[in-house]
Protein backbone atom coordinates (compact mmCIF):
# COMPACT_ATOMS: atom_id res chain seq x y z
CA MET A 1 -0.14 0.02 0.01
CA TRP A 2 2.57 2.47 1.06
CA ASN A 3 4.74 1.82 -1.95
CA ASN A 4 5.20 4.83 -4.33
CA LEU A 5 3.36 6.99 -2.03
CA ASP A 6 3.16 10.77 -2.36
CA PHE A 7 1.03 13.95 -0.82
CA ALA A 8 -1.24 16.02 -3.03
CA ASN A 9 -0.35 18.88 -0.24
CA PRO A 10 2.76 18.33 0.97
CA GLY A 11 3.46 21.49 2.43
CA LEU A 12 0.56 20.78 4.94
CA LEU A 13 2.72 18.12 6.42
CA TYR A 14 4.88 21.06 7.96
CA LEU A 15 1.75 21.30 10.47
CA LEU A 16 3.06 18.63 12.21
CA LEU A 17 5.90 20.51 13.92
CA LEU A 18 2.70 22.02 16.05
CA ILE A 19 2.52 18.86 17.90
CA PRO A 20 5.91 19.14 19.99
CA LEU A 21 4.84 22.75 20.60
CA LEU A 22 1.67 21.41 21.87
CA ILE A 23 3.08 18.75 23.97
CA THR A 24 5.40 21.67 25.84
CA ILE A 25 2.47 23.73 26.18
CA TYR A 26 0.70 20.92 27.92
CA VAL A 27 3.51 19.83 30.40
CA LEU A 28 4.04 23.39 31.68
CA ARG A 29 0.14 23.88 31.89
CA PHE A 30 -0.23 20.83 33.65
CA LYS A 31 2.60 21.85 36.33
CA HIS A 32 0.75 24.93 36.78
CA VAL A 33 -2.92 23.58 37.24
CA TYR A 34 -1.60 20.89 39.59
CA PRO A 35 0.96 22.30 41.76
CA THR A 36 2.82 20.24 44.23
CA MET A 37 3.20 20.80 47.72
CA GLN A 38 6.69 20.65 49.35
CA MET A 39 7.03 18.79 52.46
CA SER A 40 10.01 18.07 54.71
CA SER A 41 9.09 14.61 54.90
CA SER A 42 6.42 12.34 53.19
CA SER A 43 6.75 9.54 55.79
CA PHE A 44 3.26 10.37 57.03
CA THR A 45 1.62 10.26 54.00
CA GLY A 46 2.62 6.41 53.36
CA ASP A 47 3.92 4.83 50.21
CA LYS A 48 1.23 5.47 47.56
CA LYS A 49 1.19 4.33 44.01
CA VAL A 50 -0.11 7.18 41.12
CA GLY A 51 -3.45 6.76 40.69
CA PHE A 52 -5.23 5.37 37.32
CA ARG A 53 -7.21 8.71 36.60
CA SER A 54 -3.89 10.67 36.46
CA VAL A 55 -1.97 8.17 34.24
CA LEU A 56 -5.48 7.99 31.94
CA ILE A 57 -5.29 11.78 31.63
CA HIS A 58 -1.66 11.63 30.15
CA VAL A 59 -2.91 8.78 27.81
CA LEU A 60 -5.74 10.95 26.64
CA PHE A 61 -3.77 13.70 25.64
CA ALA A 62 -1.42 11.52 23.65
CA VAL A 63 -4.33 9.81 21.94
CA GLU A 64 -5.55 13.48 20.97
CA MET A 65 -2.13 14.10 19.73
CA ILE A 66 -2.12 10.90 17.50
CA ALA A 67 -5.48 12.13 16.08
CA VAL A 68 -4.22 15.54 15.35
CA ALA A 69 -1.32 14.13 13.48
CA CYS A 70 -3.66 11.52 11.39
CA MET A 71 -6.00 14.63 10.52
CA ILE A 72 -2.71 16.44 9.48
CA VAL A 73 -1.76 13.53 7.06
CA ALA A 74 -5.09 13.23 5.80
CA LEU A 75 -5.38 16.81 5.07
CA ALA A 76 -2.06 16.30 3.06
CA ARG A 77 -3.81 13.69 0.86
CA PRO A 78 -1.45 10.87 0.62
CA GLN A 79 -1.58 9.15 -2.71
CA HIS A 80 -0.74 6.00 -3.98
CA SER A 81 0.67 6.29 -7.81
CA GLU A 82 0.88 3.61 -10.30
CA SER A 83 2.46 4.00 -13.72
CA ASP A 84 2.79 2.21 -16.61
CA LYS A 85 4.51 2.55 -19.92
CA ILE A 86 3.52 1.50 -23.32
CA MET A 87 6.53 1.59 -25.97
CA ASN A 88 5.74 1.55 -29.61
CA VAL A 89 8.95 0.58 -31.32
CA GLU A 90 8.72 0.83 -35.00
CA GLY A 91 12.10 -0.82 -36.02
CA ILE A 92 14.24 -1.01 -39.09
CA ASP A 93 15.09 -4.26 -41.00
CA ILE A 94 18.50 -4.25 -41.94
CA VAL A 95 20.51 -6.88 -44.00
CA MET A 96 24.21 -7.01 -43.63
CA ALA A 97 25.71 -8.22 -46.80
CA VAL A 98 29.25 -9.40 -46.35
CA ASP A 99 32.08 -10.58 -48.77
CA VAL A 100 33.77 -13.88 -47.73
CA SER A 101 36.08 -14.08 -51.03
CA GLY A 102 39.44 -14.84 -50.98
CA SER A 103 40.89 -11.40 -51.04
CA MET A 104 39.40 -10.69 -47.81
CA TYR A 105 42.21 -12.51 -46.26
CA ALA A 106 44.44 -9.29 -46.85
CA GLU A 107 46.06 -7.69 -43.86
CA ASP A 108 45.77 -4.49 -44.32
CA PHE A 109 43.30 -4.39 -41.35
CA GLN A 110 43.85 -6.42 -38.34
CA PRO A 111 44.00 -9.26 -38.08
CA ASN A 112 42.57 -9.29 -41.73
CA ARG A 113 39.83 -7.58 -43.47
CA LEU A 114 36.95 -10.31 -42.80
CA GLU A 115 37.69 -10.60 -39.05
CA ALA A 116 37.79 -6.74 -38.67
CA ALA A 117 34.44 -6.53 -40.72
CA LYS A 118 32.67 -9.24 -38.31
CA LYS A 119 33.94 -7.44 -35.13
CA VAL A 120 32.74 -3.96 -35.97
CA ALA A 121 29.44 -5.58 -37.60
CA MET A 122 28.85 -7.29 -34.42
CA GLN A 123 29.16 -4.29 -32.19
CA PHE A 124 26.71 -2.38 -34.96
CA ILE A 125 24.09 -5.20 -33.90
CA ALA A 126 24.48 -4.94 -30.30
CA ASP A 127 23.70 -1.15 -30.71
CA ARG A 128 20.59 -1.92 -32.11
CA PRO A 129 18.35 -4.20 -29.73
CA THR A 130 14.99 -3.38 -31.51
CA ASP A 131 15.77 -3.95 -35.13
CA ARG A 132 15.51 -7.13 -37.26
CA ILE A 133 18.90 -7.93 -38.89
CA GLY A 134 19.76 -10.53 -41.24
CA LEU A 135 22.99 -11.70 -42.77
CA VAL A 136 23.84 -12.40 -46.56
CA VAL A 137 27.20 -13.63 -47.31
CA PHE A 138 28.77 -13.82 -50.99
CA ALA A 139 31.72 -14.57 -52.86
CA GLY A 140 31.23 -16.56 -56.29
CA GLU A 141 27.44 -16.85 -55.49
CA SER A 142 25.59 -15.71 -52.42
CA PHE A 143 23.13 -17.14 -49.83
CA THR A 144 21.53 -16.24 -46.67
CA GLN A 145 23.42 -17.15 -43.57
CA CYS A 146 20.70 -15.84 -41.08
CA PRO A 147 17.16 -14.39 -41.96
CA LEU A 148 15.86 -11.35 -40.37
CA THR A 149 15.58 -11.94 -36.95
CA THR A 150 15.67 -9.83 -33.23
CA ASP A 151 17.13 -12.87 -31.60
CA HIS A 152 20.60 -11.10 -32.11
CA ASN A 153 22.42 -14.18 -30.01
CA VAL A 154 21.72 -16.48 -32.88
CA LEU A 155 22.70 -13.78 -35.36
CA ASN A 156 26.09 -13.20 -33.67
CA ASP A 157 26.47 -17.01 -33.43
CA LEU A 158 26.03 -17.19 -37.28
CA PHE A 159 28.33 -14.03 -37.79
CA LYS A 160 31.09 -15.79 -36.13
CA ASP A 161 30.97 -18.79 -38.38
CA ILE A 162 31.54 -17.09 -41.63
CA LYS A 163 34.84 -17.60 -42.82
CA ILE A 164 36.63 -17.44 -46.45
CA GLY A 165 36.29 -20.50 -48.41
CA MET A 166 32.77 -21.40 -47.39
CA ILE A 167 31.65 -20.55 -50.86
CA GLU A 168 33.22 -20.92 -54.06
CA ASP A 169 35.73 -17.72 -54.56
CA GLY A 170 34.72 -14.84 -56.74
CA THR A 171 33.13 -11.65 -56.26
CA ALA A 172 29.59 -11.59 -57.01
CA ILE A 173 28.22 -7.96 -55.79
CA GLY A 174 25.09 -8.19 -57.70
CA SER A 175 24.35 -11.30 -56.24
CA GLY A 176 24.75 -10.45 -52.80
CA ILE A 177 22.36 -7.35 -53.24
CA ALA A 178 19.90 -9.34 -55.26
CA THR A 179 19.52 -11.96 -52.20
CA SER A 180 19.51 -9.26 -49.62
CA VAL A 181 16.63 -7.65 -51.63
CA SER A 182 14.63 -10.98 -51.45
CA ARG A 183 15.15 -10.71 -47.69
CA LEU A 184 13.63 -7.47 -47.36
CA LYS A 185 11.02 -6.83 -50.25
CA ASP A 186 8.04 -8.27 -48.09
CA SER A 187 8.99 -6.27 -44.98
CA ASP A 188 6.70 -3.68 -43.81
CA ALA A 189 9.27 -1.80 -41.49
CA ILE A 190 9.47 2.01 -41.75
CA SER A 191 12.76 1.61 -43.15
CA LYS A 192 14.72 -0.92 -45.07
CA VAL A 193 18.43 -1.04 -45.31
CA ILE A 194 21.28 -3.12 -46.82
CA ILE A 195 24.91 -2.76 -45.88
CA LEU A 196 26.95 -4.36 -48.27
CA LEU A 197 30.78 -4.63 -47.43
CA THR A 198 33.20 -5.65 -50.31
CA ASP A 199 36.81 -5.48 -51.33
CA GLY A 200 36.73 -5.98 -54.97
CA VAL A 201 35.28 -5.70 -58.33
CA ASN A 202 31.91 -7.71 -59.30
CA ASN A 203 33.65 -10.37 -61.54
CA THR A 204 31.19 -13.26 -61.58
CA GLY A 205 27.34 -13.84 -61.12
CA SER A 206 24.35 -13.42 -63.18
CA VAL A 207 22.71 -10.21 -61.62
CA ASP A 208 24.44 -6.93 -62.50
CA PRO A 209 25.12 -4.68 -59.38
CA VAL A 210 23.54 -1.49 -60.89
CA SER A 211 20.34 -3.73 -61.83
CA ALA A 212 20.17 -5.18 -58.39
CA ALA A 213 19.95 -1.72 -57.23
CA GLU A 214 17.44 -0.57 -59.47
CA ILE A 215 15.39 -3.62 -58.21
CA ALA A 216 16.18 -2.56 -54.37
CA LYS A 217 14.93 0.93 -55.11
CA THR A 218 11.59 -0.14 -56.29
CA PHE A 219 10.96 -1.73 -53.17
CA GLY A 220 12.10 1.18 -50.91
CA ILE A 221 15.30 -0.43 -49.96
CA ARG A 222 18.56 1.78 -49.24
CA VAL A 223 21.92 0.23 -49.95
CA TYR A 224 25.00 1.52 -48.18
CA THR A 225 27.99 0.32 -49.89
CA ILE A 226 31.55 0.04 -48.00
CA GLY A 227 34.61 -0.62 -49.84
CA VAL A 228 37.24 -2.05 -47.75
CA GLY A 229 41.08 -1.98 -48.57
CA THR A 230 43.93 0.38 -48.05
CA ASN A 231 45.18 2.71 -51.03
CA GLY A 232 47.68 1.11 -53.34
CA THR A 233 48.69 -2.51 -52.25
CA ALA A 234 47.85 -4.57 -49.20
CA PRO A 235 49.76 -7.54 -47.87
CA TYR A 236 48.09 -10.82 -48.63
CA PRO A 237 49.30 -13.98 -46.50
CA ALA A 238 50.63 -17.08 -49.01
CA GLN A 239 52.72 -20.06 -48.50
CA ASP A 240 55.95 -20.47 -50.22
CA PHE A 241 57.46 -23.66 -51.69
CA PHE A 242 58.47 -25.06 -48.29
CA GLY A 243 55.15 -24.43 -46.79
CA ASN A 244 56.14 -21.23 -44.99
CA LYS A 245 54.08 -18.27 -44.51
CA VAL A 246 55.04 -15.35 -46.33
CA TYR A 247 53.34 -12.12 -47.53
CA LYS A 248 52.96 -10.73 -51.16
CA GLN A 249 52.08 -7.20 -51.98
CA MET A 250 48.24 -7.54 -53.45
CA GLU A 251 46.90 -4.52 -55.61
CA VAL A 252 43.75 -3.07 -54.05
CA THR A 253 41.09 -3.01 -56.79
CA ILE A 254 37.75 -1.63 -55.62
CA ASP A 255 34.98 -0.49 -58.38
CA GLU A 256 34.36 2.82 -56.47
CA ASP A 257 32.37 4.06 -59.31
CA MET A 258 30.12 1.21 -59.32
CA MET A 259 29.69 1.38 -55.36
CA ARG A 260 28.78 5.07 -55.36
CA LYS A 261 26.22 4.52 -58.10
CA VAL A 262 24.53 1.85 -56.22
CA ALA A 263 24.23 3.59 -53.36
CA SER A 264 23.13 6.74 -55.06
CA ILE A 265 20.47 4.74 -57.01
CA THR A 266 19.09 3.85 -53.76
CA GLY A 267 19.46 7.09 -51.62
CA ALA A 268 22.11 5.89 -49.68
CA LYS A 269 25.90 6.45 -49.49
CA TYR A 270 29.31 5.00 -50.39
CA TYR A 271 31.87 4.98 -47.89
CA ARG A 272 35.56 3.86 -48.15
CA ALA A 273 37.25 2.20 -45.08
CA THR A 274 41.28 2.14 -45.30
CA ASP A 275 41.83 0.65 -41.64
CA ASN A 276 39.87 -0.71 -38.51
CA LYS A 277 39.13 2.80 -37.25
CA SER A 278 37.74 4.09 -40.39
CA LEU A 279 35.73 1.09 -40.63
CA ALA A 280 34.28 1.48 -37.12
CA ASN A 281 33.58 5.08 -37.82
CA ILE A 282 31.47 4.17 -40.98
CA TYR A 283 29.25 1.81 -39.11
CA GLU A 284 28.71 4.61 -36.54
CA GLU A 285 27.68 7.02 -39.10
CA ILE A 286 25.08 4.60 -40.62
CA ASP A 287 23.95 3.92 -37.20
CA LYS A 288 23.12 7.43 -36.67
CA LEU A 289 21.59 7.66 -39.92
CA GLU A 290 19.37 4.54 -39.69
CA LYS A 291 17.31 5.25 -36.41
CA SER A 292 14.23 3.43 -34.92
CA ARG A 293 11.37 5.37 -34.13
CA ILE A 294 10.26 5.00 -30.54
CA GLU A 295 7.11 6.17 -29.26
CA VAL A 296 6.63 5.85 -25.39
CA TYR A 297 2.99 6.64 -23.84
CA GLU A 298 3.27 6.98 -19.95
CA PHE A 299 0.19 6.50 -17.75
CA GLU A 300 -0.46 7.33 -14.27
CA LYS A 301 -3.01 6.59 -11.73
CA LYS A 302 -3.31 8.19 -8.48
CA GLN A 303 -5.21 6.61 -5.76
CA GLU A 304 -6.09 8.52 -2.67
CA GLU A 305 -5.20 7.21 0.72
CA PHE A 306 -6.39 9.73 3.41
CA PHE A 307 -9.26 7.70 4.40
CA PRO A 308 -7.34 5.38 6.88
CA PHE A 309 -6.15 8.35 8.52
CA VAL A 310 -9.49 10.02 8.96
CA LEU A 311 -10.76 6.70 10.29
CA ILE A 312 -8.22 6.38 12.79
CA ALA A 313 -8.60 9.92 13.72
CA LEU A 314 -12.21 9.80 14.24
CA LEU A 315 -12.18 6.54 16.33
CA LEU A 316 -9.43 7.99 18.67
CA ILE A 317 -11.62 11.26 18.96
CA CYS A 318 -14.72 9.09 19.77
CA ALA A 319 -12.32 7.01 22.18
CA ASP A 320 -11.29 10.16 23.98
CA PHE A 321 -14.82 11.77 24.16
CA ILE A 322 -16.27 8.36 25.60
CA VAL A 323 -13.55 7.96 28.20
CA ARG A 324 -13.76 11.53 29.44
CA LYS A 325 -17.47 11.36 29.67
CA CYS A 326 -17.81 8.44 31.29
CA VAL A 327 -14.33 7.50 33.38
CA LEU A 328 -12.89 10.67 34.18
CA ARG A 329 -16.50 12.43 34.57
CA VAL A 330 -16.62 14.36 37.97
CA PHE A 331 -19.90 14.07 39.68
CA PRO A 332 -21.06 17.13 41.69
């Protein structure tokens, strides 16, 4: 009952400070009305106990003070508050399309392009708990690794499982976009987004990236494109004749014109990431651009709780009146 208790007129509670004042006045007045008589010795009076009526007078005064306190609290109008919130979340459906071709082994990112992309993407997922997110991987072809879901624990587990070599090598960017579109086209979310990450040039697949972008546009899907790779050449791990790990410098070739066009057609943006930090910054910017709309409705219900205090005060006043008129009444 007393949880979330507040007062409609809390200023009236200061009247409780009158009670110590009334007690002080009562004590001083009692001594004045009933003075004591000084004696050199009380031996002749005998050892007498304090009378019941004398004690009862003080008890009744205490009862009156409690009644006054209850009335003051009642006037302050104690109220029990109950609040409830209804949250209406209009989320965004996002498909993350990740290149898993062999070139993603390049170590211009630490530890390599794919692992860096996975780490940043998983942080992006963690920051968007209300959105449905799916995962598409592509190399020589594409497939859905995880359909749209709000179960981000499952999504993260599937994200960890993606690796280079799980699909025939190649870079089918158009197929990656097309597969992502197929996952989003029937969505009724307020916003539908594809985040496509690749480090190469479309060199295989039956779907042209620009044509796939046109299809995405017809379904109201924005395609953010991210090119990953340093400028110039990047170290690529390989094995020499004896099986030892060596590095060779691989030229970084990203079809940025095509990536910009895909993003522009769908009303999105193209980004270039040259290291881990810039890749993280890109995902942070996309996170700010694509925000879910959350509407919170708060309801508060207040229930008056003054009645118990009024009842207690009335019972105490009645008891005081009855005792004074019946027990303490002095007959002439």
